[in-house]
Amino acid sequence: MTTNPPLSPGNEPEVLTPECMAFIADLSRRYGPRVLELLAARRAMQTRYDSGYRPRFLPETRTIRESLWTVAELPPTLPTGASRSPARSTAR
């Protein structure tokens, strides 16, 4: 198995052990074809969206979509700012 870009000489065991490389190779062999298939389907669907296609709702859900509905209140124990991702910058 090769890495792209190549690992720095001498760092291979620290970064990716032989067991880790074997695990990644196994994942690639096992799931690689399916991942490529799903990515191709995603590209094809994006092409349809780009040309104007819009998804349609199931007819049997019409009454739900057209009715008045709400969601439950947030629990009082939910901390402030819970909707922010900790990985995102808070600078605005």
Protein backbone atom coordinates (compact mmCIF):
# COMPACT_ATOMS: atom_id res chain seq x y z
CA MET A 1 0.00 0.00 0.00
CA THR A 2 1.25 3.49 -0.77
CA THR A 3 0.36 6.81 0.79
CA ASN A 4 -0.16 10.05 -1.05
CA PRO A 5 1.79 12.13 -0.28
CA PRO A 6 4.47 9.67 0.83
CA LEU A 7 5.33 9.55 4.51
CA SER A 8 8.57 11.19 5.57
CA PRO A 9 11.45 8.70 5.77
CA GLY A 10 11.83 7.35 9.26
CA ASN A 11 8.36 8.43 10.45
CA GLU A 12 6.36 5.52 9.08
CA PRO A 13 6.31 3.42 12.29
CA GLU A 14 5.38 6.45 14.41
CA VAL A 15 2.58 7.60 12.15
CA LEU A 16 1.21 4.41 10.62
CA THR A 17 2.22 1.11 12.16
CA PRO A 18 2.21 -2.02 10.00
CA GLU A 19 -0.99 -3.10 11.79
CA CYS A 20 -2.60 0.24 11.03
CA MET A 21 -1.56 0.05 7.36
CA ALA A 22 -2.96 -3.49 7.15
CA PHE A 23 -6.23 -2.32 8.69
CA ILE A 24 -6.50 0.57 6.23
CA ALA A 25 -5.66 -1.72 3.31
CA ASP A 26 -8.37 -4.15 4.46
CA LEU A 27 -10.91 -1.33 4.71
CA SER A 28 -9.95 -0.12 1.26
CA ARG A 29 -10.28 -3.60 -0.27
CA ARG A 30 -13.52 -4.31 1.53
CA TYR A 31 -15.36 -1.00 1.14
CA GLY A 32 -13.51 0.88 -1.61
CA PRO A 33 -15.73 -0.32 -4.48
CA ARG A 34 -18.91 0.58 -2.57
CA VAL A 35 -17.52 4.01 -1.63
CA LEU A 36 -16.72 4.69 -5.30
CA GLU A 37 -20.21 3.54 -6.28
CA LEU A 38 -21.83 5.87 -3.73
CA LEU A 39 -19.66 8.80 -4.80
CA ALA A 40 -20.63 8.23 -8.44
CA ALA A 41 -24.32 8.16 -7.46
CA ARG A 42 -23.82 11.38 -5.50
CA ARG A 43 -22.19 13.07 -8.50
CA ALA A 44 -25.04 11.90 -10.75
CA MET A 45 -27.64 13.24 -8.31
CA GLN A 46 -25.80 16.56 -8.05
CA THR A 47 -25.86 16.82 -11.83
CA ARG A 48 -29.64 16.34 -11.73
CA TYR A 49 -30.00 19.03 -9.03
CA ASP A 50 -27.77 21.39 -11.03
CA SER A 51 -30.01 20.97 -14.07
CA GLY A 52 -33.13 21.90 -12.11
CA TYR A 53 -34.43 18.68 -10.62
CA ARG A 54 -36.00 19.07 -7.21
CA PRO A 55 -36.88 16.21 -4.88
CA ARG A 56 -40.54 15.52 -4.37
CA PHE A 57 -42.39 14.70 -1.19
CA LEU A 58 -44.42 11.52 -0.88
CA PRO A 59 -48.10 12.26 -1.54
CA GLU A 60 -49.11 10.41 1.62
CA THR A 61 -47.21 12.96 3.74
CA ARG A 62 -49.15 15.95 2.38
CA THR A 63 -51.47 16.27 5.39
CA ILE A 64 -48.51 16.32 7.75
CA ARG A 65 -46.68 18.96 5.73
CA GLU A 66 -49.75 21.18 5.43
CA SER A 67 -50.88 20.90 9.04
CA LEU A 68 -49.86 23.18 11.90
CA TRP A 69 -47.27 21.55 14.10
CA THR A 70 -44.56 22.50 16.54
CA VAL A 71 -41.60 20.89 18.24
CA ALA A 72 -41.14 20.41 21.96
CA GLU A 73 -39.59 23.14 24.09
CA LEU A 74 -35.87 22.90 24.77
CA PRO A 75 -35.10 21.41 28.17
CA PRO A 76 -34.05 24.01 30.76
CA THR A 77 -30.86 22.04 31.47
CA LEU A 78 -29.55 22.61 27.95
CA PRO A 79 -26.52 24.91 28.22
CA THR A 80 -26.47 28.23 26.41
CA GLY A 81 -24.81 28.04 23.01
CA ALA A 82 -25.50 24.32 22.62
CA SER A 83 -26.22 24.82 18.94
CA ARG A 84 -22.62 25.92 18.32
CA SER A 85 -20.10 23.35 17.26
CA PRO A 86 -17.00 23.38 19.50
CA ALA A 87 -14.87 22.90 16.38
CA ARG A 88 -16.15 26.11 14.81
CA SER A 89 -14.70 29.50 15.47
CA THR A 90 -16.91 31.71 17.61
CA ALA A 91 -15.48 34.86 16.00
CA ARG A 92 -18.04 36.70 13.92
